[in-house]
PDB file of N, CA and C in Angstrom:
ATOM      1  N   MET A   1     153.866  38.050 203.246  1.00  0.00           N
ATOM      2  CA  MET A   1     152.804  37.218 203.759  1.00  0.00           C
ATOM      3  C   MET A   1     151.484  37.553 203.067  1.00  0.00           C
ATOM      4  N   LYS A   2     151.256  38.813 202.752  1.00  0.00           N
ATOM      5  CA  LYS A   2     149.980  39.217 202.164  1.00  0.00           C
ATOM      6  C   LYS A   2     149.708  38.510 200.838  1.00  0.00           C
ATOM      7  N   GLU A   3     150.757  38.251 200.066  1.00  0.00           N
ATOM      8  CA  GLU A   3     150.546  37.652 198.742  1.00  0.00           C
ATOM      9  C   GLU A   3     150.081  36.202 198.817  1.00  0.00           C
ATOM     10  N   ILE A   4     150.180  35.554 199.965  1.00  0.00           N
ATOM     11  CA  ILE A   4     149.750  34.155 200.077  1.00  0.00           C
ATOM     12  C   ILE A   4     148.409  34.001 200.792  1.00  0.00           C
ATOM     13  N   LEU A   5     147.856  35.092 201.294  1.00  0.00           N
ATOM     14  CA  LEU A   5     146.625  35.008 202.076  1.00  0.00           C
ATOM     15  C   LEU A   5     145.434  34.472 201.288  1.00  0.00           C
ATOM     16  N   SER A   6     145.304  34.854 200.027  1.00  0.00           N
ATOM     17  CA  SER A   6     144.150  34.368 199.257  1.00  0.00           C
ATOM     18  C   SER A   6     144.217  32.857 199.066  1.00  0.00           C
ATOM     19  N   ASP A   7     145.416  32.326 198.845  1.00  0.00           N
ATOM     20  CA  ASP A   7     145.561  30.877 198.717  1.00  0.00           C
ATOM     21  C   ASP A   7     145.271  30.183 200.043  1.00  0.00           C
ATOM     22  N   ILE A   8     145.768  30.745 201.140  1.00  0.00           N
ATOM     23  CA  ILE A   8     145.507  30.170 202.460  1.00  0.00           C
ATOM     24  C   ILE A   8     144.008  30.165 202.743  1.00  0.00           C
ATOM     25  N   ASP A   9     143.343  31.270 202.435  1.00  0.00           N
ATOM     26  CA  ASP A   9     141.892  31.341 202.649  1.00  0.00           C
ATOM     27  C   ASP A   9     141.154  30.286 201.821  1.00  0.00           C
ATOM     28  N   ARG A  10     141.567  30.122 200.579  1.00  0.00           N
ATOM     29  CA  ARG A  10     140.932  29.122 199.707  1.00  0.00           C
ATOM     30  C   ARG A  10     141.149  27.718 200.249  1.00  0.00           C
ATOM     31  N   TRP A  11     142.367  27.409 200.679  1.00  0.00           N
ATOM     32  CA  TRP A  11     142.660  26.083 201.227  1.00  0.00           C
ATOM     33  C   TRP A  11     141.901  25.862 202.527  1.00  0.00           C
ATOM     34  N   ARG A  12     141.827  26.881 203.337  1.00  0.00           N
ATOM     35  CA  ARG A  12     141.100  26.781 204.608  1.00  0.00           C
ATOM     36  C   ARG A  12     139.623  26.493 204.343  1.00  0.00           C
ATOM     37  N   ALA A  13     139.028  27.207 203.380  1.00  0.00           N
ATOM     38  CA  ALA A  13     137.621  26.997 203.041  1.00  0.00           C
ATOM     39  C   ALA A  13     137.377  25.572 202.547  1.00  0.00           C
ATOM     40  N   ALA A  14     138.390  24.969 201.942  1.00  0.00           N
ATOM     41  CA  ALA A  14     138.285  23.594 201.449  1.00  0.00           C
ATOM     42  C   ALA A  14     138.585  22.572 202.545  1.00  0.00           C
ATOM     43  N   GLY A  15     138.927  23.043 203.752  1.00  0.00           N
ATOM     44  CA  GLY A  15     139.195  22.151 204.878  1.00  0.00           C
ATOM     45  C   GLY A  15     140.563  21.503 204.855  1.00  0.00           C
ATOM     46  N   GLN A  16     141.494  22.068 204.083  1.00  0.00           N
ATOM     47  CA  GLN A  16     142.832  21.490 203.989  1.00  0.00           C
ATOM     48  C   GLN A  16     143.732  21.984 205.117  1.00  0.00           C
ATOM     49  N   LYS A  17     144.681  21.122 205.488  1.00  0.00           N
ATOM     50  CA  LYS A  17     145.719  21.523 206.434  1.00  0.00           C
ATOM     51  C   LYS A  17     146.775  22.329 205.672  1.00  0.00           C
ATOM     52  N   VAL A  18     147.338  23.321 206.361  1.00  0.00           N
ATOM     53  CA  VAL A  18     148.309  24.220 205.739  1.00  0.00           C
ATOM     54  C   VAL A  18     149.465  24.472 206.701  1.00  0.00           C
ATOM     55  N   ALA A  19     150.671  24.485 206.168  1.00  0.00           N
ATOM     56  CA  ALA A  19     151.852  24.887 206.924  1.00  0.00           C
ATOM     57  C   ALA A  19     152.409  26.161 206.290  1.00  0.00           C
ATOM     58  N   VAL A  20     152.993  27.003 207.133  1.00  0.00           N
ATOM     59  CA  VAL A  20     153.606  28.237 206.650  1.00  0.00           C
ATOM     60  C   VAL A  20     155.079  28.231 207.038  1.00  0.00           C
ATOM     61  N   ALA A  21     155.921  28.564 206.072  1.00  0.00           N
ATOM     62  CA  ALA A  21     157.363  28.715 206.300  1.00  0.00           C
ATOM     63  C   ALA A  21     157.694  30.195 206.156  1.00  0.00           C
ATOM     64  N   ARG A  22     158.460  30.720 207.109  1.00  0.00           N
ATOM     65  CA  ARG A  22     158.862  32.122 207.053  1.00  0.00           C
ATOM     66  C   ARG A  22     160.369  32.235 207.229  1.00  0.00           C
ATOM     67  N   VAL A  23     160.980  33.103 206.451  1.00  0.00           N
ATOM     68  CA  VAL A  23     162.390  33.413 206.653  1.00  0.00           C
ATOM     69  C   VAL A  23     162.476  34.232 207.937  1.00  0.00           C
ATOM     70  N   VAL A  24     163.231  33.719 208.910  1.00  0.00           N
ATOM     71  CA  VAL A  24     163.380  34.444 210.178  1.00  0.00           C
ATOM     72  C   VAL A  24     164.762  35.074 210.328  1.00  0.00           C
ATOM     73  N   ASP A  25     165.726  34.599 209.533  1.00  0.00           N
ATOM     74  CA  ASP A  25     167.070  35.174 209.611  1.00  0.00           C
ATOM     75  C   ASP A  25     167.875  34.695 208.418  1.00  0.00           C
ATOM     76  N   ILE A  26     168.854  35.481 208.036  1.00  0.00           N
ATOM     77  CA  ILE A  26     169.826  35.060 207.026  1.00  0.00           C
ATOM     78  C   ILE A  26     171.213  35.431 207.536  1.00  0.00           C
ATOM     79  N   ASP A  27     172.183  34.618 207.186  1.00  0.00           N
ATOM     80  CA  ASP A  27     173.586  34.905 207.468  1.00  0.00           C
ATOM     81  C   ASP A  27     174.274  35.048 206.125  1.00  0.00           C
ATOM     82  N   GLY A  28     174.949  36.148 205.910  1.00  0.00           N
ATOM     83  CA  GLY A  28     175.592  36.376 204.628  1.00  0.00           C
ATOM     84  C   GLY A  28     174.554  36.757 203.586  1.00  0.00           C
ATOM     85  N   SER A  29     174.792  36.330 202.366  1.00  0.00           N
ATOM     86  CA  SER A  29     173.898  36.633 201.265  1.00  0.00           C
ATOM     87  C   SER A  29     172.752  35.636 201.251  1.00  0.00           C
ATOM     88  N   GLY A  30     171.544  36.137 201.084  1.00  0.00           N
ATOM     89  CA  GLY A  30     170.384  35.252 201.033  1.00  0.00           C
ATOM     90  C   GLY A  30     169.465  35.640 199.893  1.00  0.00           C
ATOM     91  N   PRO A  31     168.724  34.684 199.374  1.00  0.00           N
ATOM     92  CA  PRO A  31     167.850  34.972 198.240  1.00  0.00           C
ATOM     93  C   PRO A  31     166.629  35.810 198.592  1.00  0.00           C
ATOM     94  N   ARG A  32     166.110  35.699 199.818  1.00  0.00           N
ATOM     95  CA  ARG A  32     164.943  36.474 200.257  1.00  0.00           C
ATOM     96  C   ARG A  32     165.214  36.987 201.664  1.00  0.00           C
ATOM     97  N   LEU A  33     164.647  38.115 201.992  1.00  0.00           N
ATOM     98  CA  LEU A  33     164.860  38.740 203.299  1.00  0.00           C
ATOM     99  C   LEU A  33     163.924  38.156 204.352  1.00  0.00           C
ATOM    100  N   PRO A  34     164.276  38.327 205.634  1.00  0.00           N
ATOM    101  CA  PRO A  34     163.371  37.895 206.699  1.00  0.00           C
ATOM    102  C   PRO A  34     161.972  38.479 206.486  1.00  0.00           C
ATOM    103  N   GLY A  35     160.989  37.635 206.744  1.00  0.00           N
ATOM    104  CA  GLY A  35     159.600  38.002 206.515  1.00  0.00           C
ATOM    105  C   GLY A  35     159.015  37.339 205.289  1.00  0.00           C
ATOM    106  N   ALA A  36     159.867  36.941 204.350  1.00  0.00           N
ATOM    107  CA  ALA A  36     159.362  36.236 203.165  1.00  0.00           C
ATOM    108  C   ALA A  36     158.654  34.965 203.631  1.00  0.00           C
ATOM    109  N   ALA A  37     157.535  34.640 202.994  1.00  0.00           N
ATOM    110  CA  ALA A  37     156.732  33.513 203.453  1.00  0.00           C
ATOM    111  C   ALA A  37     156.286  32.630 202.295  1.00  0.00           C
ATOM    112  N   MET A  38     156.038  31.388 202.651  1.00  0.00           N
ATOM    113  CA  MET A  38     155.554  30.391 201.701  1.00  0.00           C
ATOM    114  C   MET A  38     154.571  29.498 202.444  1.00  0.00           C
ATOM    115  N   ALA A  39     153.451  29.180 201.817  1.00  0.00           N
ATOM    116  CA  ALA A  39     152.469  28.270 202.406  1.00  0.00           C
ATOM    117  C   ALA A  39     152.425  26.997 201.575  1.00  0.00           C
ATOM    118  N   VAL A  40     152.185  25.884 202.263  1.00  0.00           N
ATOM    119  CA  VAL A  40     152.098  24.579 201.605  1.00  0.00           C
ATOM    120  C   VAL A  40     150.863  23.880 202.153  1.00  0.00           C
ATOM    121  N   ASN A  41     149.996  23.392 201.259  1.00  0.00           N
ATOM    122  CA  ASN A  41     148.843  22.653 201.762  1.00  0.00           C
ATOM    123  C   ASN A  41     149.167  21.164 201.792  1.00  0.00           C
ATOM    124  N   GLU A  42     148.250  20.381 202.356  1.00  0.00           N
ATOM    125  CA  GLU A  42     148.499  18.952 202.551  1.00  0.00           C
ATOM    126  C   GLU A  42     148.667  18.183 201.249  1.00  0.00           C
ATOM    127  N   GLU A  43     148.269  18.780 200.127  1.00  0.00           N
ATOM    128  CA  GLU A  43     148.447  18.139 198.822  1.00  0.00           C
ATOM    129  C   GLU A  43     149.755  18.545 198.157  1.00  0.00           C
ATOM    130  N   GLY A  44     150.529  19.401 198.819  1.00  0.00           N
ATOM    131  CA  GLY A  44     151.812  19.833 198.286  1.00  0.00           C
ATOM    132  C   GLY A  44     151.733  21.050 197.388  1.00  0.00           C
ATOM    133  N   GLU A  45     150.563  21.699 197.323  1.00  0.00           N
ATOM    134  CA  GLU A  45     150.458  22.937 196.559  1.00  0.00           C
ATOM    135  C   GLU A  45     151.168  24.050 197.321  1.00  0.00           C
ATOM    136  N   VAL A  46     151.767  24.979 196.584  1.00  0.00           N
ATOM    137  CA  VAL A  46     152.613  26.014 197.177  1.00  0.00           C
ATOM    138  C   VAL A  46     152.123  27.397 196.781  1.00  0.00           C
ATOM    139  N   ALA A  47     152.200  28.320 197.730  1.00  0.00           N
ATOM    140  CA  ALA A  47     151.960  29.742 197.473  1.00  0.00           C
ATOM    141  C   ALA A  47     153.105  30.512 198.101  1.00  0.00           C
ATOM    142  N   GLY A  48     153.641  31.492 197.390  1.00  0.00           N
ATOM    143  CA  GLY A  48     154.724  32.300 197.915  1.00  0.00           C
ATOM    144  C   GLY A  48     156.084  31.672 197.699  1.00  0.00           C
ATOM    145  N   SER A  49     157.099  32.305 198.280  1.00  0.00           N
ATOM    146  CA  SER A  49     158.471  31.850 198.100  1.00  0.00           C
ATOM    147  C   SER A  49     159.334  32.300 199.266  1.00  0.00           C
ATOM    148  N   VAL A  50     160.237  31.428 199.690  1.00  0.00           N
ATOM    149  CA  VAL A  50     161.188  31.795 200.738  1.00  0.00           C
ATOM    150  C   VAL A  50     162.615  31.878 200.215  1.00  0.00           C
ATOM    151  N   SER A  51     162.792  31.496 198.947  1.00  0.00           N
ATOM    152  CA  SER A  51     164.163  31.497 198.441  1.00  0.00           C
ATOM    153  C   SER A  51     164.270  31.809 196.955  1.00  0.00           C
ATOM    154  N   GLY A  52     163.216  32.268 196.353  1.00  0.00           N
ATOM    155  CA  GLY A  52     163.284  32.529 194.924  1.00  0.00           C
ATOM    156  C   GLY A  52     163.407  31.260 194.117  1.00  0.00           C
ATOM    157  N   GLY A  53     163.118  30.127 194.725  1.00  0.00           N
ATOM    158  CA  GLY A  53     163.109  28.857 194.005  1.00  0.00           C
ATOM    159  C   GLY A  53     164.198  27.881 194.386  1.00  0.00           C
ATOM    160  N   CYS A  54     165.271  28.333 195.046  1.00  0.00           N
ATOM    161  CA  CYS A  54     166.404  27.425 195.229  1.00  0.00           C
ATOM    162  C   CYS A  54     166.241  26.402 196.342  1.00  0.00           C
ATOM    163  N   VAL A  55     165.406  26.629 197.348  1.00  0.00           N
ATOM    164  CA  VAL A  55     165.208  25.595 198.379  1.00  0.00           C
ATOM    165  C   VAL A  55     163.738  25.197 198.537  1.00  0.00           C
ATOM    166  N   GLU A  56     162.883  25.701 197.663  1.00  0.00           N
ATOM    167  CA  GLU A  56     161.456  25.447 197.817  1.00  0.00           C
ATOM    168  C   GLU A  56     161.101  23.962 197.883  1.00  0.00           C
ATOM    169  N   GLY A  57     161.717  23.133 197.073  1.00  0.00           N
ATOM    170  CA  GLY A  57     161.422  21.700 197.098  1.00  0.00           C
ATOM    171  C   GLY A  57     161.696  21.081 198.457  1.00  0.00           C
ATOM    172  N   ALA A  58     162.812  21.449 199.061  1.00  0.00           N
ATOM    173  CA  ALA A  58     163.149  20.932 200.390  1.00  0.00           C
ATOM    174  C   ALA A  58     162.204  21.486 201.442  1.00  0.00           C
ATOM    175  N   VAL A  59     161.759  22.721 201.269  1.00  0.00           N
ATOM    176  CA  VAL A  59     160.831  23.321 202.222  1.00  0.00           C
ATOM    177  C   VAL A  59     159.473  22.630 202.145  1.00  0.00           C
ATOM    178  N   VAL A  60     159.032  22.282 200.944  1.00  0.00           N
ATOM    179  CA  VAL A  60     157.775  21.540 200.798  1.00  0.00           C
ATOM    180  C   VAL A  60     157.859  20.220 201.551  1.00  0.00           C
ATOM    181  N   THR A  61     158.967  19.513 201.406  1.00  0.00           N
ATOM    182  CA  THR A  61     159.153  18.242 202.115  1.00  0.00           C
ATOM    183  C   THR A  61     159.067  18.452 203.625  1.00  0.00           C
ATOM    184  N   GLU A  62     159.748  19.474 204.134  1.00  0.00           N
ATOM    185  CA  GLU A  62     159.706  19.784 205.571  1.00  0.00           C
ATOM    186  C   GLU A  62     158.285  20.155 206.008  1.00  0.00           C
ATOM    187  N   ALA A  63     157.601  20.963 205.205  1.00  0.00           N
ATOM    188  CA  ALA A  63     156.249  21.407 205.557  1.00  0.00           C
ATOM    189  C   ALA A  63     155.282  20.231 205.607  1.00  0.00           C
ATOM    190  N   LEU A  64     155.381  19.316 204.656  1.00  0.00           N
ATOM    191  CA  LEU A  64     154.503  18.144 204.664  1.00  0.00           C
ATOM    192  C   LEU A  64     154.775  17.268 205.882  1.00  0.00           C
ATOM    193  N   ASP A  65     156.035  17.146 206.265  1.00  0.00           N
ATOM    194  CA  ASP A  65     156.386  16.397 207.473  1.00  0.00           C
ATOM    195  C   ASP A  65     155.792  17.069 208.709  1.00  0.00           C
ATOM    196  N   ILE A  66     155.848  18.382 208.744  1.00  0.00           N
ATOM    197  CA  ILE A  66     155.288  19.136 209.864  1.00  0.00           C
ATOM    198  C   ILE A  66     153.773  18.977 209.916  1.00  0.00           C
ATOM    199  N   LEU A  67     153.123  18.944 208.763  1.00  0.00           N
ATOM    200  CA  LEU A  67     151.675  18.725 208.756  1.00  0.00           C
ATOM    201  C   LEU A  67     151.327  17.341 209.296  1.00  0.00           C
ATOM    202  N   ASP A  68     152.174  16.356 209.024  1.00  0.00           N
ATOM    203  CA  ASP A  68     151.947  15.005 209.556  1.00  0.00           C
ATOM    204  C   ASP A  68     152.194  14.928 211.056  1.00  0.00           C
ATOM    205  N   SER A  69     153.240  15.597 211.513  1.00  0.00           N
ATOM    206  CA  SER A  69     153.641  15.475 212.923  1.00  0.00           C
ATOM    207  C   SER A  69     153.003  16.520 213.830  1.00  0.00           C
ATOM    208  N   GLY A  70     152.642  17.670 213.269  1.00  0.00           N
ATOM    209  CA  GLY A  70     152.114  18.756 214.081  1.00  0.00           C
ATOM    210  C   GLY A  70     153.193  19.567 214.771  1.00  0.00           C
ATOM    211  N   ALA A  71     154.439  19.189 214.584  1.00  0.00           N
ATOM    212  CA  ALA A  71     155.563  19.874 215.238  1.00  0.00           C
ATOM    213  C   ALA A  71     155.904  21.166 214.498  1.00  0.00           C
ATOM    214  N   ARG A  72     156.493  22.091 215.215  1.00  0.00           N
ATOM    215  CA  ARG A  72     157.014  23.332 214.637  1.00  0.00           C
ATOM    216  C   ARG A  72     158.528  23.261 214.748  1.00  0.00           C
ATOM    217  N   ARG A  73     159.214  23.865 213.792  1.00  0.00           N
ATOM    218  CA  ARG A  73     160.672  23.839 213.914  1.00  0.00           C
ATOM    219  C   ARG A  73     161.332  24.894 213.045  1.00  0.00           C
ATOM    220  N   ILE A  74     162.577  25.156 213.395  1.00  0.00           N
ATOM    221  CA  ILE A  74     163.431  26.015 212.570  1.00  0.00           C
ATOM    222  C   ILE A  74     164.294  25.103 211.715  1.00  0.00           C
ATOM    223  N   VAL A  75     164.337  25.410 210.442  1.00  0.00           N
ATOM    224  CA  VAL A  75     165.118  24.639 209.476  1.00  0.00           C
ATOM    225  C   VAL A  75     166.138  25.594 208.867  1.00  0.00           C
ATOM    226  N   THR A  76     167.365  25.117 208.701  1.00  0.00           N
ATOM    227  CA  THR A  76     168.442  25.952 208.183  1.00  0.00           C
ATOM    228  C   THR A  76     169.055  25.317 206.944  1.00  0.00           C
ATOM    229  N   PHE A  77     169.241  26.149 205.918  1.00  0.00           N
ATOM    230  CA  PHE A  77     169.970  25.736 204.724  1.00  0.00           C
ATOM    231  C   PHE A  77     171.116  26.706 204.556  1.00  0.00           C
ATOM    232  N   GLY A  78     172.337  26.171 204.394  1.00  0.00           N
ATOM    233  CA  GLY A  78     173.491  27.047 204.285  1.00  0.00           C
ATOM    234  C   GLY A  78     174.447  26.622 203.203  1.00  0.00           C
ATOM    235  N   TYR A  79     175.251  27.560 202.788  1.00  0.00           N
ATOM    236  CA  TYR A  79     176.202  27.362 201.703  1.00  0.00           C
ATOM    237  C   TYR A  79     177.162  26.211 201.981  1.00  0.00           C
ATOM    238  N   SER A  80     177.560  26.047 203.249  1.00  0.00           N
ATOM    239  CA  SER A  80     178.531  25.009 203.561  1.00  0.00           C
ATOM    240  C   SER A  80     177.887  23.636 203.726  1.00  0.00           C
ATOM    241  N   ASP A  81     176.579  23.569 203.774  1.00  0.00           N
ATOM    242  CA  ASP A  81     175.892  22.294 203.936  1.00  0.00           C
ATOM    243  C   ASP A  81     175.818  21.545 202.610  1.00  0.00           C
ATOM    244  N   ASP A  82     176.023  20.237 202.657  1.00  0.00           N
ATOM    245  CA  ASP A  82     175.839  19.432 201.459  1.00  0.00           C
ATOM    246  C   ASP A  82     174.416  19.562 200.943  1.00  0.00           C
ATOM    247  N   ASP A  83     173.458  19.675 201.876  1.00  0.00           N
ATOM    248  CA  ASP A  83     172.064  19.828 201.477  1.00  0.00           C
ATOM    249  C   ASP A  83     171.845  21.108 200.682  1.00  0.00           C
ATOM    250  N   ALA A  84     172.592  22.147 201.008  1.00  0.00           N
ATOM    251  CA  ALA A  84     172.411  23.420 200.315  1.00  0.00           C
ATOM    252  C   ALA A  84     172.714  23.268 198.830  1.00  0.00           C
ATOM    253  N   PHE A  85     173.805  22.589 198.512  1.00  0.00           N
ATOM    254  CA  PHE A  85     174.119  22.367 197.105  1.00  0.00           C
ATOM    255  C   PHE A  85     173.077  21.478 196.448  1.00  0.00           C
ATOM    256  N   ALA A  86     172.617  20.474 197.173  1.00  0.00           N
ATOM    257  CA  ALA A  86     171.632  19.541 196.627  1.00  0.00           C
ATOM    258  C   ALA A  86     170.337  20.250 196.261  1.00  0.00           C
ATOM    259  N   VAL A  87     169.935  21.248 197.057  1.00  0.00           N
ATOM    260  CA  VAL A  87     168.685  21.944 196.771  1.00  0.00           C
ATOM    261  C   VAL A  87     168.898  23.233 195.986  1.00  0.00           C
ATOM    262  N   GLY A  88     170.142  23.601 195.719  1.00  0.00           N
ATOM    263  CA  GLY A  88     170.406  24.742 194.848  1.00  0.00           C
ATOM    264  C   GLY A  88     170.722  26.049 195.541  1.00  0.00           C
ATOM    265  N   LEU A  89     171.004  26.042 196.845  1.00  0.00           N
ATOM    266  CA  LEU A  89     171.332  27.283 197.547  1.00  0.00           C
ATOM    267  C   LEU A  89     172.825  27.542 197.405  1.00  0.00           C
ATOM    268  N   THR A  90     173.187  28.260 196.362  1.00  0.00           N
ATOM    269  CA  THR A  90     174.600  28.515 196.086  1.00  0.00           C
ATOM    270  C   THR A  90     174.936  29.997 196.202  1.00  0.00           C
ATOM    271  N   CYS A  91     174.104  30.760 196.914  1.00  0.00           N
ATOM    272  CA  CYS A  91     174.302  32.211 196.993  1.00  0.00           C
ATOM    273  C   CYS A  91     175.353  32.593 198.037  1.00  0.00           C
ATOM    274  N   GLY A  92     175.870  31.623 198.778  1.00  0.00           N
ATOM    275  CA  GLY A  92     176.929  31.910 199.723  1.00  0.00           C
ATOM    276  C   GLY A  92     176.475  32.193 201.126  1.00  0.00           C
ATOM    277  N   GLY A  93     175.197  32.187 201.386  1.00  0.00           N
ATOM    278  CA  GLY A  93     174.690  32.496 202.718  1.00  0.00           C
ATOM    279  C   GLY A  93     173.943  31.334 203.333  1.00  0.00           C
ATOM    280  N   THR A  94     173.328  31.633 204.467  1.00  0.00           N
ATOM    281  CA  THR A  94     172.531  30.654 205.195  1.00  0.00           C
ATOM    282  C   THR A  94     171.160  31.263 205.434  1.00  0.00           C
ATOM    283  N   VAL A  95     170.125  30.487 205.200  1.00  0.00           N
ATOM    284  CA  VAL A  95     168.758  30.953 205.421  1.00  0.00           C
ATOM    285  C   VAL A  95     168.129  30.108 206.530  1.00  0.00           C
ATOM    286  N   HIS A  96     167.500  30.789 207.495  1.00  0.00           N
ATOM    287  CA  HIS A  96     166.838  30.121 208.615  1.00  0.00           C
ATOM    288  C   HIS A  96     165.330  30.315 208.449  1.00  0.00           C
ATOM    289  N   LEU A  97     164.595  29.223 208.445  1.00  0.00           N
ATOM    290  CA  LEU A  97     163.151  29.254 208.250  1.00  0.00           C
ATOM    291  C   LEU A  97     162.444  28.706 209.471  1.00  0.00           C
ATOM    292  N   TYR A  98     161.346  29.340 209.850  1.00  0.00           N
ATOM    293  CA  TYR A  98     160.470  28.805 210.887  1.00  0.00           C
ATOM    294  C   TYR A  98     159.253  28.252 210.160  1.00  0.00           C
ATOM    295  N   ILE A  99     158.995  26.962 210.374  1.00  0.00           N
ATOM    296  CA  ILE A  99     157.879  26.310 209.697  1.00  0.00           C
ATOM    297  C   ILE A  99     156.908  25.808 210.754  1.00  0.00           C
ATOM    298  N   GLU A 100     155.621  26.137 210.562  1.00  0.00           N
ATOM    299  CA  GLU A 100     154.610  25.730 211.524  1.00  0.00           C
ATOM    300  C   GLU A 100     153.296  25.399 210.811  1.00  0.00           C
ATOM    301  N   PRO A 101     152.520  24.488 211.397  1.00  0.00           N
ATOM    302  CA  PRO A 101     151.184  24.257 210.853  1.00  0.00           C
ATOM    303  C   PRO A 101     150.261  25.389 211.295  1.00  0.00           C
ATOM    304  N   LEU A 102     149.359  25.793 210.416  1.00  0.00           N
ATOM    305  CA  LEU A 102     148.384  26.806 210.814  1.00  0.00           C
ATOM    306  C   LEU A 102     147.298  26.131 211.639  1.00  0.00           C
ATOM    307  N   ASP A 103     146.897  26.800 212.686  1.00  0.00           N
ATOM    308  CA  ASP A 103     145.841  26.297 213.552  1.00  0.00           C
ATOM    309  C   ASP A 103     144.621  27.176 213.340  1.00  0.00           C
ATOM    310  N   TRP A 104     143.595  26.628 212.720  1.00  0.00           N
ATOM    311  CA  TRP A 104     142.400  27.410 212.434  1.00  0.00           C
ATOM    312  C   TRP A 104     141.687  27.736 213.702  1.00  0.00           C
TER     313      TRP A 104
END
């Protein structure tokens, strides 16, 4: 989380909305451990990583939707899911992310 704070601060100073995605659990093999974080601003700019690149595009889409709706949710990508192959998660595990809008 610390590595994304400067970007979050910069976006906040610019008055942008920001969502944060955090790895909250993994089943089997996962690209990043729980605690890994990624921030997305309303323009789709990204700081940090929750998967080393393999699901980031899908996470950006989810984060932008969350910024529009204001809802918080857990999103799961897993090896057995068709979506997992589509976004590149082929490590054999399942990653669970909690995505929420930041409330200044």
